[in-house]
Amino acid sequence: MATSFKYHEGKFGLLFITLDVGSFTCIATNLWGRWEITKLKTGYGNPGYFYDDDEKNPHCRIIW
């Protein structure tokens, strides 16, 4: 199940969860290109991307 799909600062981000394997985040600069897939260390029920765009500390957090 894909819980979040975002485009931010030239990157696509996809979060998804499975019932038996866990939660994953995927990042790509080209929608049709290669995706970097990372298994998250903990499972999340319904995660989503949150971008904090302040000038001092821009970052992306996964919230649930």
N, C-alpha and C. Protein backbone atom coordinates (compact mmCIF):
# COMPACT_ATOMS: atom_id res chain seq x y z
N MET A 1 0.84 -1.16 0.00
CA MET A 1 0.00 0.00 0.00
C MET A 1 0.89 1.23 0.00
N ALA A 2 0.72 2.12 -0.99
CA ALA A 2 1.47 3.38 -1.03
C ALA A 2 0.76 4.39 -0.13
N THR A 3 1.46 4.89 0.85
CA THR A 3 0.84 5.82 1.79
C THR A 3 1.19 7.27 1.48
N SER A 4 2.26 7.50 0.72
CA SER A 4 2.64 8.87 0.40
C SER A 4 3.49 8.88 -0.86
N PHE A 5 3.17 9.80 -1.77
CA PHE A 5 3.94 9.99 -2.98
C PHE A 5 4.11 11.50 -3.17
N LYS A 6 5.35 11.98 -3.15
CA LYS A 6 5.62 13.42 -3.21
C LYS A 6 6.73 13.73 -4.21
N TYR A 7 6.72 14.98 -4.68
CA TYR A 7 7.82 15.52 -5.49
C TYR A 7 8.28 16.78 -4.78
N HIS A 8 9.59 16.85 -4.49
CA HIS A 8 10.13 17.99 -3.74
C HIS A 8 11.58 18.21 -4.13
N GLU A 9 11.88 19.43 -4.56
CA GLU A 9 13.25 19.84 -4.89
C GLU A 9 13.96 18.86 -5.81
N GLY A 10 13.27 18.46 -6.88
CA GLY A 10 13.88 17.60 -7.89
C GLY A 10 13.91 16.12 -7.58
N LYS A 11 13.25 15.69 -6.51
CA LYS A 11 13.24 14.27 -6.16
C LYS A 11 11.81 13.78 -5.93
N PHE A 12 11.56 12.55 -6.40
CA PHE A 12 10.31 11.87 -6.13
C PHE A 12 10.51 11.02 -4.88
N GLY A 13 9.51 10.98 -4.03
CA GLY A 13 9.57 10.15 -2.84
C GLY A 13 8.31 9.32 -2.71
N LEU A 14 8.47 8.06 -2.40
CA LEU A 14 7.35 7.15 -2.22
C LEU A 14 7.54 6.40 -0.91
N LEU A 15 6.52 6.40 -0.08
CA LEU A 15 6.51 5.59 1.13
C LEU A 15 5.47 4.49 0.94
N PHE A 16 5.81 3.27 1.32
CA PHE A 16 4.79 2.23 1.28
C PHE A 16 5.03 1.23 2.39
N ILE A 17 3.97 0.54 2.75
CA ILE A 17 4.04 -0.46 3.81
C ILE A 17 3.51 -1.79 3.28
N THR A 18 4.01 -2.86 3.87
CA THR A 18 3.48 -4.19 3.59
C THR A 18 3.07 -4.79 4.92
N LEU A 19 2.15 -5.70 4.90
CA LEU A 19 1.69 -6.30 6.15
C LEU A 19 2.69 -7.30 6.71
N ASP A 20 3.51 -7.89 5.84
CA ASP A 20 4.38 -8.95 6.32
C ASP A 20 5.88 -8.61 6.27
N VAL A 21 6.31 -7.65 5.48
CA VAL A 21 7.74 -7.37 5.33
C VAL A 21 8.17 -6.09 6.05
N GLY A 22 7.33 -5.06 6.07
CA GLY A 22 7.68 -3.83 6.76
C GLY A 22 7.39 -2.58 5.94
N SER A 23 8.03 -1.48 6.33
CA SER A 23 7.83 -0.18 5.69
C SER A 23 9.07 0.19 4.87
N PHE A 24 8.85 0.88 3.74
CA PHE A 24 9.94 1.23 2.83
C PHE A 24 9.79 2.67 2.37
N THR A 25 10.91 3.32 2.09
CA THR A 25 10.93 4.61 1.43
C THR A 25 11.75 4.46 0.14
N CYS A 26 11.27 5.09 -0.91
CA CYS A 26 11.92 5.03 -2.22
C CYS A 26 12.14 6.44 -2.73
N ILE A 27 13.33 6.73 -3.25
CA ILE A 27 13.69 8.06 -3.73
C ILE A 27 14.25 7.93 -5.15
N ALA A 28 13.85 8.87 -6.03
CA ALA A 28 14.38 8.89 -7.40
C ALA A 28 14.37 10.32 -7.93
N THR A 29 15.31 10.63 -8.81
CA THR A 29 15.31 11.93 -9.47
C THR A 29 14.58 11.87 -10.81
N ASN A 30 14.39 10.67 -11.33
CA ASN A 30 13.67 10.45 -12.57
C ASN A 30 12.57 9.44 -12.29
N LEU A 31 11.33 9.82 -12.52
CA LEU A 31 10.20 8.95 -12.22
C LEU A 31 10.33 7.59 -12.89
N TRP A 32 10.88 7.56 -14.10
CA TRP A 32 11.00 6.31 -14.86
C TRP A 32 12.39 5.69 -14.74
N GLY A 33 13.26 6.29 -13.91
CA GLY A 33 14.64 5.80 -13.76
C GLY A 33 14.80 4.87 -12.57
N ARG A 34 16.01 4.83 -12.07
CA ARG A 34 16.36 3.96 -10.96
C ARG A 34 15.89 4.56 -9.63
N TRP A 35 15.30 3.74 -8.78
CA TRP A 35 14.82 4.17 -7.47
C TRP A 35 15.72 3.57 -6.38
N GLU A 36 16.04 4.39 -5.40
CA GLU A 36 16.78 3.91 -4.23
C GLU A 36 15.75 3.48 -3.19
N ILE A 37 15.75 2.19 -2.85
CA ILE A 37 14.76 1.64 -1.92
C ILE A 37 15.44 1.35 -0.59
N THR A 38 14.86 1.87 0.48
CA THR A 38 15.41 1.67 1.82
C THR A 38 14.32 1.13 2.73
N LYS A 39 14.61 0.01 3.40
CA LYS A 39 13.67 -0.52 4.39
C LYS A 39 13.83 0.28 5.67
N LEU A 40 12.72 0.75 6.22
CA LEU A 40 12.76 1.52 7.46
C LEU A 40 12.94 0.59 8.64
N LYS A 41 13.59 1.09 9.67
CA LYS A 41 13.93 0.25 10.83
C LYS A 41 12.72 -0.13 11.66
N THR A 42 11.67 0.65 11.56
CA THR A 42 10.47 0.36 12.33
C THR A 42 9.26 0.39 11.41
N GLY A 43 8.22 -0.32 11.78
CA GLY A 43 7.01 -0.30 11.00
C GLY A 43 6.15 0.90 11.35
N TYR A 44 5.43 1.41 10.38
CA TYR A 44 4.55 2.55 10.58
C TYR A 44 3.16 2.17 10.11
N GLY A 45 2.14 2.71 10.77
CA GLY A 45 0.77 2.40 10.41
C GLY A 45 0.30 3.11 9.16
N ASN A 46 0.54 4.40 9.05
CA ASN A 46 0.11 5.19 7.91
C ASN A 46 1.06 6.38 7.75
N PRO A 47 2.30 6.14 7.34
CA PRO A 47 3.29 7.22 7.31
C PRO A 47 3.07 8.19 6.15
N GLY A 48 3.66 9.38 6.26
CA GLY A 48 3.63 10.37 5.21
C GLY A 48 4.87 11.25 5.29
N TYR A 49 5.24 11.88 4.17
CA TYR A 49 6.37 12.79 4.16
C TYR A 49 5.94 14.16 4.66
N PHE A 50 6.79 14.80 5.43
CA PHE A 50 6.60 16.18 5.87
C PHE A 50 7.88 16.93 5.57
N TYR A 51 7.78 18.01 4.80
CA TYR A 51 8.95 18.80 4.43
C TYR A 51 8.98 20.07 5.24
N ASP A 52 10.06 20.30 5.94
CA ASP A 52 10.27 21.53 6.69
C ASP A 52 11.20 22.39 5.85
N ASP A 53 10.65 23.42 5.24
CA ASP A 53 11.39 24.21 4.27
C ASP A 53 11.97 25.50 4.81
N ASP A 54 12.20 25.57 6.11
CA ASP A 54 12.80 26.81 6.59
C ASP A 54 14.23 26.94 6.07
N GLU A 55 14.71 28.13 5.97
CA GLU A 55 16.02 28.39 5.34
C GLU A 55 17.18 27.82 6.14
N LYS A 56 17.04 27.65 7.43
CA LYS A 56 18.16 27.21 8.27
C LYS A 56 18.33 25.70 8.28
N ASN A 57 17.24 24.98 8.31
CA ASN A 57 17.31 23.53 8.47
C ASN A 57 16.33 22.80 7.55
N PRO A 58 16.53 22.86 6.23
CA PRO A 58 15.59 22.13 5.37
C PRO A 58 15.80 20.62 5.51
N HIS A 59 14.74 19.90 5.72
CA HIS A 59 14.84 18.44 5.83
C HIS A 59 13.48 17.81 5.59
N CYS A 60 13.50 16.51 5.44
CA CYS A 60 12.29 15.73 5.25
C CYS A 60 12.16 14.80 6.43
N ARG A 61 10.99 14.73 6.99
CA ARG A 61 10.72 13.80 8.08
C ARG A 61 9.59 12.86 7.66
N ILE A 62 9.61 11.68 8.20
CA ILE A 62 8.52 10.75 7.98
C ILE A 62 7.66 10.80 9.25
N ILE A 63 6.38 11.13 9.06
CA ILE A 63 5.48 11.22 10.21
C ILE A 63 4.43 10.13 10.11
N TRP A 64 3.84 9.79 11.22
CA TRP A 64 2.77 8.80 11.25
C TRP A 64 1.79 9.15 12.32
